[in-house]
Amino acid sequence: MNQQIIETYKSLTRFLGKTLGPNYEVVLHVIDDDEGAHIEEIVNGYISGRTVDSPLTSYALDRIQSRDYLYNDYDIHYKVLAKPGHEVYGSTFYIKDGDELLGLLCINADQSQFIDKLCDLLRMMPGGSQTVVDYFSQESSSSNAAIEVLSSDMSEVIRDSVGEVSDLERLESGYSLTKAEKMAIMRKLKARGIFNMKGAIPKVAEFLTVSEPTVYRYLNEIVQEKQDKVENA
């Protein structure tokens, strides 16, 4: 995304944040080939605890890797897991130039205060208290199960992604992985777009207990594998 477009969307992010108010977190994610995908602007970041340069969520990476943006202009009203006790719902607008994805403009609405006030009103009705509690507990545990997990820590995003493609408990038990096992994890992380995020290389290196040059070497080997498959097809 060129700087002029970035500045335009940064202004739009600030405008939406001030217009919608303190219960709405507005986030501009920029997808940059040089710097990696990262948060370029954020308003009311206290809702998720994130700041500028925080990483993309694994949910956002999945949307990018699935190329959902080729078929849709936005994704709205999905459940978000933020701070405990907060009912947050997200919506994402894809910033595109033809078939190229330039960034994501996300709005996360914290509905907790509205739900609390509604519960207070309904509790004034005879027998209303238990009904309200049951209703929201059921909603939270079933149909509105969390889809996106907001995190300000790259390590948490890496851990979340690794946990979806490998046995996390085994990895954290001190078990020494073979190169083949590390390469398998690297392939899956690359397929999910983890290495498109700013600062991903050192965090993956730390998680797999290898050096950063080793991570780069593994990535080069993965690229070479794909080239060999194409040539031998």
C-alpha atoms as a PDB file:
ATOM      1  CA  MET A   1       0.000   0.000   0.000  1.00  0.00           C
ATOM      2  CA  ASN A   2       1.529   3.346  -0.979  1.00  0.00           C
ATOM      3  CA  GLN A   3       1.947   6.064   1.622  1.00  0.00           C
ATOM      4  CA  GLN A   4      -0.836   8.268   0.273  1.00  0.00           C
ATOM      5  CA  ILE A   5      -3.402   5.468   0.571  1.00  0.00           C
ATOM      6  CA  ILE A   6      -2.096   4.588   4.039  1.00  0.00           C
ATOM      7  CA  GLU A   7      -2.528   8.179   5.248  1.00  0.00           C
ATOM      8  CA  THR A   8      -6.061   8.289   3.847  1.00  0.00           C
ATOM      9  CA  TYR A   9      -7.097   5.128   5.666  1.00  0.00           C
ATOM     10  CA  LYS A  10      -5.322   6.230   8.863  1.00  0.00           C
ATOM     11  CA  SER A  11      -7.474   9.372   8.827  1.00  0.00           C
ATOM     12  CA  LEU A  12     -10.557   7.250   8.191  1.00  0.00           C
ATOM     13  CA  THR A  13      -9.606   4.993  11.117  1.00  0.00           C
ATOM     14  CA  ARG A  14      -9.332   7.961  13.479  1.00  0.00           C
ATOM     15  CA  PHE A  15     -12.585   9.425  12.137  1.00  0.00           C
ATOM     16  CA  LEU A  16     -14.509   6.182  12.703  1.00  0.00           C
ATOM     17  CA  GLY A  17     -13.009   5.737  16.166  1.00  0.00           C
ATOM     18  CA  LYS A  18     -14.078   9.196  17.300  1.00  0.00           C
ATOM     19  CA  THR A  19     -17.473   8.977  15.600  1.00  0.00           C
ATOM     20  CA  LEU A  20     -18.435   5.549  16.953  1.00  0.00           C
ATOM     21  CA  GLY A  21     -17.090   6.228  20.451  1.00  0.00           C
ATOM     22  CA  PRO A  22     -15.148   4.441  23.182  1.00  0.00           C
ATOM     23  CA  ASN A  23     -16.922   1.073  22.856  1.00  0.00           C
ATOM     24  CA  TYR A  24     -15.589   0.574  19.341  1.00  0.00           C
ATOM     25  CA  GLU A  25     -12.011  -0.401  18.521  1.00  0.00           C
ATOM     26  CA  VAL A  26     -11.058   0.576  14.953  1.00  0.00           C
ATOM     27  CA  VAL A  27      -7.932  -1.012  13.483  1.00  0.00           C
ATOM     28  CA  LEU A  28      -6.053  -0.515  10.220  1.00  0.00           C
ATOM     29  CA  HIS A  29      -3.906  -3.502   9.224  1.00  0.00           C
ATOM     30  CA  VAL A  30      -1.405  -2.871   6.439  1.00  0.00           C
ATOM     31  CA  ILE A  31      -0.053  -5.714   4.319  1.00  0.00           C
ATOM     32  CA  ASP A  32       3.463  -4.711   3.311  1.00  0.00           C
ATOM     33  CA  ASP A  33       5.885  -6.941   1.397  1.00  0.00           C
ATOM     34  CA  ASP A  34       8.898  -5.248   2.995  1.00  0.00           C
ATOM     35  CA  GLU A  35       7.790  -4.700   6.592  1.00  0.00           C
ATOM     36  CA  GLY A  36       5.239  -7.504   6.858  1.00  0.00           C
ATOM     37  CA  ALA A  37       1.595  -7.270   7.869  1.00  0.00           C
ATOM     38  CA  HIS A  38       1.046  -5.149  10.982  1.00  0.00           C
ATOM     39  CA  ILE A  39      -1.252  -2.644  12.671  1.00  0.00           C
ATOM     40  CA  GLU A  40      -0.614   0.791  11.170  1.00  0.00           C
ATOM     41  CA  GLU A  41      -3.288   2.692  13.137  1.00  0.00           C
ATOM     42  CA  ILE A  42      -5.585   1.817  16.029  1.00  0.00           C
ATOM     43  CA  VAL A  43      -8.170   3.786  18.016  1.00  0.00           C
ATOM     44  CA  ASN A  44      -9.536   2.625  21.398  1.00  0.00           C
ATOM     45  CA  GLY A  45      -6.973  -0.158  21.516  1.00  0.00           C
ATOM     46  CA  TYR A  46      -7.667  -0.715  25.219  1.00  0.00           C
ATOM     47  CA  ILE A  47     -10.534  -2.994  24.152  1.00  0.00           C
ATOM     48  CA  SER A  48      -8.040  -5.632  22.968  1.00  0.00           C
ATOM     49  CA  GLY A  49      -4.843  -4.323  24.568  1.00  0.00           C
ATOM     50  CA  ARG A  50      -3.189  -3.943  21.166  1.00  0.00           C
ATOM     51  CA  THR A  51      -1.061  -1.085  19.853  1.00  0.00           C
ATOM     52  CA  VAL A  52       0.534   0.023  16.590  1.00  0.00           C
ATOM     53  CA  ASP A  53       2.805  -2.741  15.200  1.00  0.00           C
ATOM     54  CA  SER A  54       0.880  -5.489  17.020  1.00  0.00           C
ATOM     55  CA  PRO A  55       0.516  -8.608  14.821  1.00  0.00           C
ATOM     56  CA  LEU A  56      -2.455  -9.779  12.829  1.00  0.00           C
ATOM     57  CA  THR A  57      -4.665 -12.392  14.457  1.00  0.00           C
ATOM     58  CA  SER A  58      -4.666 -15.984  13.236  1.00  0.00           C
ATOM     59  CA  TYR A  59      -8.252 -15.367  12.077  1.00  0.00           C
ATOM     60  CA  ALA A  60      -7.126 -12.478   9.861  1.00  0.00           C
ATOM     61  CA  LEU A  61      -4.316 -14.615   8.463  1.00  0.00           C
ATOM     62  CA  ASP A  62      -6.811 -17.358   7.623  1.00  0.00           C
ATOM     63  CA  ARG A  63      -8.996 -14.848   5.775  1.00  0.00           C
ATOM     64  CA  ILE A  64      -5.969 -13.663   3.802  1.00  0.00           C
ATOM     65  CA  GLN A  65      -4.655 -17.139   2.987  1.00  0.00           C
ATOM     66  CA  SER A  66      -8.099 -18.386   1.961  1.00  0.00           C
ATOM     67  CA  ARG A  67      -8.286 -15.351  -0.374  1.00  0.00           C
ATOM     68  CA  ASP A  68     -11.779 -14.631   0.859  1.00  0.00           C
ATOM     69  CA  TYR A  69     -11.240 -11.052  -0.284  1.00  0.00           C
ATOM     70  CA  LEU A  70     -11.440 -12.186  -3.928  1.00  0.00           C
ATOM     71  CA  TYR A  71     -15.084 -13.131  -3.445  1.00  0.00           C
ATOM     72  CA  ASN A  72     -16.226 -10.741  -0.709  1.00  0.00           C
ATOM     73  CA  ASP A  73     -15.704  -7.078   0.100  1.00  0.00           C
ATOM     74  CA  TYR A  74     -16.155  -7.566   3.846  1.00  0.00           C
ATOM     75  CA  ASP A  75     -16.800 -10.032   6.671  1.00  0.00           C
ATOM     76  CA  ILE A  76     -19.189  -8.807   9.385  1.00  0.00           C
ATOM     77  CA  HIS A  77     -20.603  -9.633  12.821  1.00  0.00           C
ATOM     78  CA  TYR A  78     -18.299 -12.450  13.899  1.00  0.00           C
ATOM     79  CA  LYS A  79     -17.618 -13.182  17.560  1.00  0.00           C
ATOM     80  CA  VAL A  80     -14.317 -11.959  18.970  1.00  0.00           C
ATOM     81  CA  LEU A  81     -12.519 -13.168  22.084  1.00  0.00           C
ATOM     82  CA  ALA A  82     -10.999 -10.133  23.798  1.00  0.00           C
ATOM     83  CA  LYS A  83     -10.779  -9.548  27.556  1.00  0.00           C
ATOM     84  CA  PRO A  84     -12.687 -11.916  29.874  1.00  0.00           C
ATOM     85  CA  GLY A  85     -16.289 -10.835  30.397  1.00  0.00           C
ATOM     86  CA  HIS A  86     -16.428  -8.735  27.260  1.00  0.00           C
ATOM     87  CA  GLU A  87     -18.913  -9.458  24.476  1.00  0.00           C
ATOM     88  CA  VAL A  88     -17.117  -8.221  21.366  1.00  0.00           C
ATOM     89  CA  TYR A  89     -18.201  -8.556  17.748  1.00  0.00           C
ATOM     90  CA  GLY A  90     -15.982  -7.788  14.780  1.00  0.00           C
ATOM     91  CA  SER A  91     -16.371  -6.661  11.196  1.00  0.00           C
ATOM     92  CA  THR A  92     -13.633  -6.432   8.570  1.00  0.00           C
ATOM     93  CA  PHE A  93     -13.501  -4.437   5.336  1.00  0.00           C
ATOM     94  CA  TYR A  94     -10.995  -5.628   2.716  1.00  0.00           C
ATOM     95  CA  ILE A  95      -8.902  -2.829   1.215  1.00  0.00           C
ATOM     96  CA  LYS A  96      -8.160  -3.960  -2.319  1.00  0.00           C
ATOM     97  CA  ASP A  97      -6.613  -2.880  -5.591  1.00  0.00           C
ATOM     98  CA  GLY A  98      -8.152  -5.265  -8.085  1.00  0.00           C
ATOM     99  CA  ASP A  99      -7.162  -8.763  -6.928  1.00  0.00           C
ATOM    100  CA  GLU A 100      -4.423  -7.455  -4.629  1.00  0.00           C
ATOM    101  CA  LEU A 101      -5.188  -7.147  -0.904  1.00  0.00           C
ATOM    102  CA  LEU A 102      -3.625  -3.981   0.504  1.00  0.00           C
ATOM    103  CA  GLY A 103      -4.964  -4.047   4.035  1.00  0.00           C
ATOM    104  CA  LEU A 104      -7.821  -4.650   6.437  1.00  0.00           C
ATOM    105  CA  LEU A 105     -10.026  -2.087   8.172  1.00  0.00           C
ATOM    106  CA  CYS A 106     -11.560  -3.722  11.249  1.00  0.00           C
ATOM    107  CA  ILE A 107     -14.163  -2.559  13.754  1.00  0.00           C
ATOM    108  CA  ASN A 108     -14.562  -4.445  17.022  1.00  0.00           C
ATOM    109  CA  ALA A 109     -17.684  -3.492  18.955  1.00  0.00           C
ATOM    110  CA  ASP A 110     -17.632  -4.098  22.711  1.00  0.00           C
ATOM    111  CA  GLN A 111     -21.276  -4.777  23.595  1.00  0.00           C
ATOM    112  CA  SER A 112     -20.622  -5.551  27.285  1.00  0.00           C
ATOM    113  CA  GLN A 113     -22.054  -2.325  28.702  1.00  0.00           C
ATOM    114  CA  PHE A 114     -25.203  -2.590  26.596  1.00  0.00           C
ATOM    115  CA  ILE A 115     -25.754  -6.189  27.692  1.00  0.00           C
ATOM    116  CA  ASP A 116     -25.163  -5.277  31.351  1.00  0.00           C
ATOM    117  CA  LYS A 117     -27.709  -2.452  31.186  1.00  0.00           C
ATOM    118  CA  LEU A 118     -30.214  -4.697  29.413  1.00  0.00           C
ATOM    119  CA  CYS A 119     -29.749  -7.331  32.099  1.00  0.00           C
ATOM    120  CA  ASP A 120     -30.295  -4.716  34.816  1.00  0.00           C
ATOM    121  CA  LEU A 121     -33.572  -3.669  33.197  1.00  0.00           C
ATOM    122  CA  LEU A 122     -34.796  -7.218  32.714  1.00  0.00           C
ATOM    123  CA  ARG A 123     -33.905  -8.171  36.284  1.00  0.00           C
ATOM    124  CA  MET A 124     -36.547  -5.674  37.424  1.00  0.00           C
ATOM    125  CA  MET A 125     -39.160  -7.961  35.910  1.00  0.00           C
ATOM    126  CA  PRO A 126     -40.477 -10.810  38.090  1.00  0.00           C
ATOM    127  CA  GLY A 127     -38.444 -13.940  37.419  1.00  0.00           C
ATOM    128  CA  GLY A 128     -36.317 -12.150  34.869  1.00  0.00           C
ATOM    129  CA  SER A 129     -32.907 -12.493  36.457  1.00  0.00           C
ATOM    130  CA  GLN A 130     -32.332 -16.198  35.932  1.00  0.00           C
ATOM    131  CA  THR A 131     -33.716 -16.053  32.405  1.00  0.00           C
ATOM    132  CA  VAL A 132     -31.271 -13.317  31.429  1.00  0.00           C
ATOM    133  CA  VAL A 133     -28.290 -15.136  32.913  1.00  0.00           C
ATOM    134  CA  ASP A 134     -29.235 -18.387  31.191  1.00  0.00           C
ATOM    135  CA  TYR A 135     -29.792 -16.667  27.869  1.00  0.00           C
ATOM    136  CA  PHE A 136     -26.429 -14.961  27.669  1.00  0.00           C
ATOM    137  CA  SER A 137     -24.489 -17.942  29.034  1.00  0.00           C
ATOM    138  CA  GLN A 138     -26.037 -20.155  26.365  1.00  0.00           C
ATOM    139  CA  GLU A 139     -25.317 -17.625  23.640  1.00  0.00           C
ATOM    140  CA  SER A 140     -21.697 -17.365  24.712  1.00  0.00           C
ATOM    141  CA  SER A 141     -21.132 -21.092  24.915  1.00  0.00           C
ATOM    142  CA  SER A 142     -22.838 -22.238  21.730  1.00  0.00           C
ATOM    143  CA  SER A 143     -23.925 -20.254  18.694  1.00  0.00           C
ATOM    144  CA  ASN A 144     -21.653 -17.287  19.414  1.00  0.00           C
ATOM    145  CA  ALA A 145     -18.493 -19.280  20.040  1.00  0.00           C
ATOM    146  CA  ALA A 146     -15.390 -17.105  19.636  1.00  0.00           C
ATOM    147  CA  ILE A 147     -13.897 -16.972  16.159  1.00  0.00           C
ATOM    148  CA  GLU A 148     -11.169 -14.357  16.422  1.00  0.00           C
ATOM    149  CA  VAL A 149      -8.737 -14.057  19.339  1.00  0.00           C
ATOM    150  CA  LEU A 150      -7.271 -10.578  19.765  1.00  0.00           C
ATOM    151  CA  SER A 151      -3.705 -10.413  21.002  1.00  0.00           C
ATOM    152  CA  SER A 152      -0.998  -7.759  21.260  1.00  0.00           C
ATOM    153  CA  ASP A 153       1.743 -10.392  21.577  1.00  0.00           C
ATOM    154  CA  MET A 154       3.288 -11.987  18.493  1.00  0.00           C
ATOM    155  CA  SER A 155       4.271 -14.999  20.617  1.00  0.00           C
ATOM    156  CA  GLU A 156       0.606 -15.678  21.413  1.00  0.00           C
ATOM    157  CA  VAL A 157      -0.328 -15.526  17.731  1.00  0.00           C
ATOM    158  CA  ILE A 158       2.515 -17.919  16.844  1.00  0.00           C
ATOM    159  CA  ARG A 159       1.554 -20.241  19.709  1.00  0.00           C
ATOM    160  CA  ASP A 160      -2.093 -20.191  18.658  1.00  0.00           C
ATOM    161  CA  SER A 161      -1.176 -21.001  15.060  1.00  0.00           C
ATOM    162  CA  VAL A 162       1.294 -23.751  15.997  1.00  0.00           C
ATOM    163  CA  GLY A 163      -1.310 -25.266  18.297  1.00  0.00           C
ATOM    164  CA  GLU A 164      -3.671 -25.605  15.337  1.00  0.00           C
ATOM    165  CA  VAL A 165      -1.131 -27.461  13.194  1.00  0.00           C
ATOM    166  CA  SER A 166       0.842 -29.479  15.751  1.00  0.00           C
ATOM    167  CA  ASP A 167       0.797 -31.033  19.236  1.00  0.00           C
ATOM    168  CA  LEU A 168       1.401 -27.958  21.386  1.00  0.00           C
ATOM    169  CA  GLU A 169       1.638 -29.882  24.647  1.00  0.00           C
ATOM    170  CA  ARG A 170       4.387 -32.054  23.212  1.00  0.00           C
ATOM    171  CA  LEU A 171       6.281 -29.043  21.909  1.00  0.00           C
ATOM    172  CA  GLU A 172       6.183 -27.261  25.268  1.00  0.00           C
ATOM    173  CA  SER A 173       7.188 -30.349  27.230  1.00  0.00           C
ATOM    174  CA  GLY A 174      10.828 -29.900  26.238  1.00  0.00           C
ATOM    175  CA  TYR A 175      10.707 -32.605  23.586  1.00  0.00           C
ATOM    176  CA  SER A 176      13.520 -32.177  21.050  1.00  0.00           C
ATOM    177  CA  LEU A 177      12.053 -31.911  17.582  1.00  0.00           C
ATOM    178  CA  THR A 178      13.734 -33.488  14.589  1.00  0.00           C
ATOM    179  CA  LYS A 179      14.460 -31.360  11.534  1.00  0.00           C
ATOM    180  CA  ALA A 180      11.666 -33.176   9.670  1.00  0.00           C
ATOM    181  CA  GLU A 181       9.184 -32.214  12.420  1.00  0.00           C
ATOM    182  CA  LYS A 182      10.370 -28.601  12.427  1.00  0.00           C
ATOM    183  CA  MET A 183      10.114 -28.449   8.652  1.00  0.00           C
ATOM    184  CA  ALA A 184       6.568 -29.836   8.810  1.00  0.00           C
ATOM    185  CA  ILE A 185       5.581 -27.073  11.244  1.00  0.00           C
ATOM    186  CA  MET A 186       7.339 -24.466   9.094  1.00  0.00           C
ATOM    187  CA  ARG A 187       5.424 -25.591   5.990  1.00  0.00           C
ATOM    188  CA  LYS A 188       2.120 -25.274   7.822  1.00  0.00           C
ATOM    189  CA  LEU A 189       2.990 -21.870   9.276  1.00  0.00           C
ATOM    190  CA  LYS A 190       4.089 -20.620   5.853  1.00  0.00           C
ATOM    191  CA  ALA A 191       0.849 -21.899   4.317  1.00  0.00           C
ATOM    192  CA  ARG A 192      -1.090 -19.909   6.927  1.00  0.00           C
ATOM    193  CA  GLY A 193       0.840 -16.738   6.101  1.00  0.00           C
ATOM    194  CA  ILE A 194       2.569 -16.403   9.491  1.00  0.00           C
ATOM    195  CA  PHE A 195       5.794 -15.242   7.845  1.00  0.00           C
ATOM    196  CA  ASN A 196       3.963 -12.342   6.213  1.00  0.00           C
ATOM    197  CA  MET A 197       3.662 -10.750   9.654  1.00  0.00           C
ATOM    198  CA  LYS A 198       6.155  -8.215  10.879  1.00  0.00           C
ATOM    199  CA  GLY A 199       8.548  -9.752  13.422  1.00  0.00           C
ATOM    200  CA  ALA A 200       7.475 -13.367  12.815  1.00  0.00           C
ATOM    201  CA  ILE A 201      10.934 -14.808  12.041  1.00  0.00           C
ATOM    202  CA  PRO A 202      12.528 -14.271  15.497  1.00  0.00           C
ATOM    203  CA  LYS A 203       9.390 -15.460  17.297  1.00  0.00           C
ATOM    204  CA  VAL A 204       9.172 -18.673  15.266  1.00  0.00           C
ATOM    205  CA  ALA A 205      12.897 -19.224  15.837  1.00  0.00           C
ATOM    206  CA  GLU A 206      12.377 -18.836  19.580  1.00  0.00           C
ATOM    207  CA  PHE A 207       9.396 -21.185  19.591  1.00  0.00           C
ATOM    208  CA  LEU A 208      11.202 -23.914  17.635  1.00  0.00           C
ATOM    209  CA  THR A 209      14.458 -23.312  19.587  1.00  0.00           C
ATOM    210  CA  VAL A 210      16.507 -22.635  16.450  1.00  0.00           C
ATOM    211  CA  SER A 211      18.426 -19.602  15.222  1.00  0.00           C
ATOM    212  CA  GLU A 212      16.937 -16.983  12.915  1.00  0.00           C
ATOM    213  CA  PRO A 213      19.331 -17.976  10.088  1.00  0.00           C
ATOM    214  CA  THR A 214      18.009 -21.524  10.474  1.00  0.00           C
ATOM    215  CA  VAL A 215      14.431 -20.312   9.994  1.00  0.00           C
ATOM    216  CA  TYR A 216      15.484 -18.487   6.833  1.00  0.00           C
ATOM    217  CA  ARG A 217      17.275 -21.616   5.628  1.00  0.00           C
ATOM    218  CA  TYR A 218      14.160 -23.728   6.254  1.00  0.00           C
ATOM    219  CA  LEU A 219      12.043 -21.217   4.329  1.00  0.00           C
ATOM    220  CA  ASN A 220      14.473 -21.329   1.396  1.00  0.00           C
ATOM    221  CA  GLU A 221      14.301 -25.126   1.431  1.00  0.00           C
ATOM    222  CA  ILE A 222      10.493 -24.979   1.357  1.00  0.00           C
ATOM    223  CA  VAL A 223      10.596 -22.617  -1.635  1.00  0.00           C
ATOM    224  CA  GLN A 224      13.067 -24.930  -3.359  1.00  0.00           C
ATOM    225  CA  GLU A 225      10.804 -27.929  -2.680  1.00  0.00           C
ATOM    226  CA  LYS A 226       7.944 -26.205  -4.482  1.00  0.00           C
ATOM    227  CA  GLN A 227      10.161 -25.287  -7.410  1.00  0.00           C
ATOM    228  CA  ASP A 228      11.394 -28.876  -7.698  1.00  0.00           C
ATOM    229  CA  LYS A 229       7.812 -30.165  -7.716  1.00  0.00           C
ATOM    230  CA  VAL A 230       6.869 -27.773 -10.518  1.00  0.00           C
ATOM    231  CA  GLU A 231       9.905 -28.747 -12.588  1.00  0.00           C
ATOM    232  CA  ASN A 232       9.301 -32.482 -12.065  1.00  0.00           C
ATOM    233  CA  ALA A 233       5.555 -32.322 -12.692  1.00  0.00           C
END
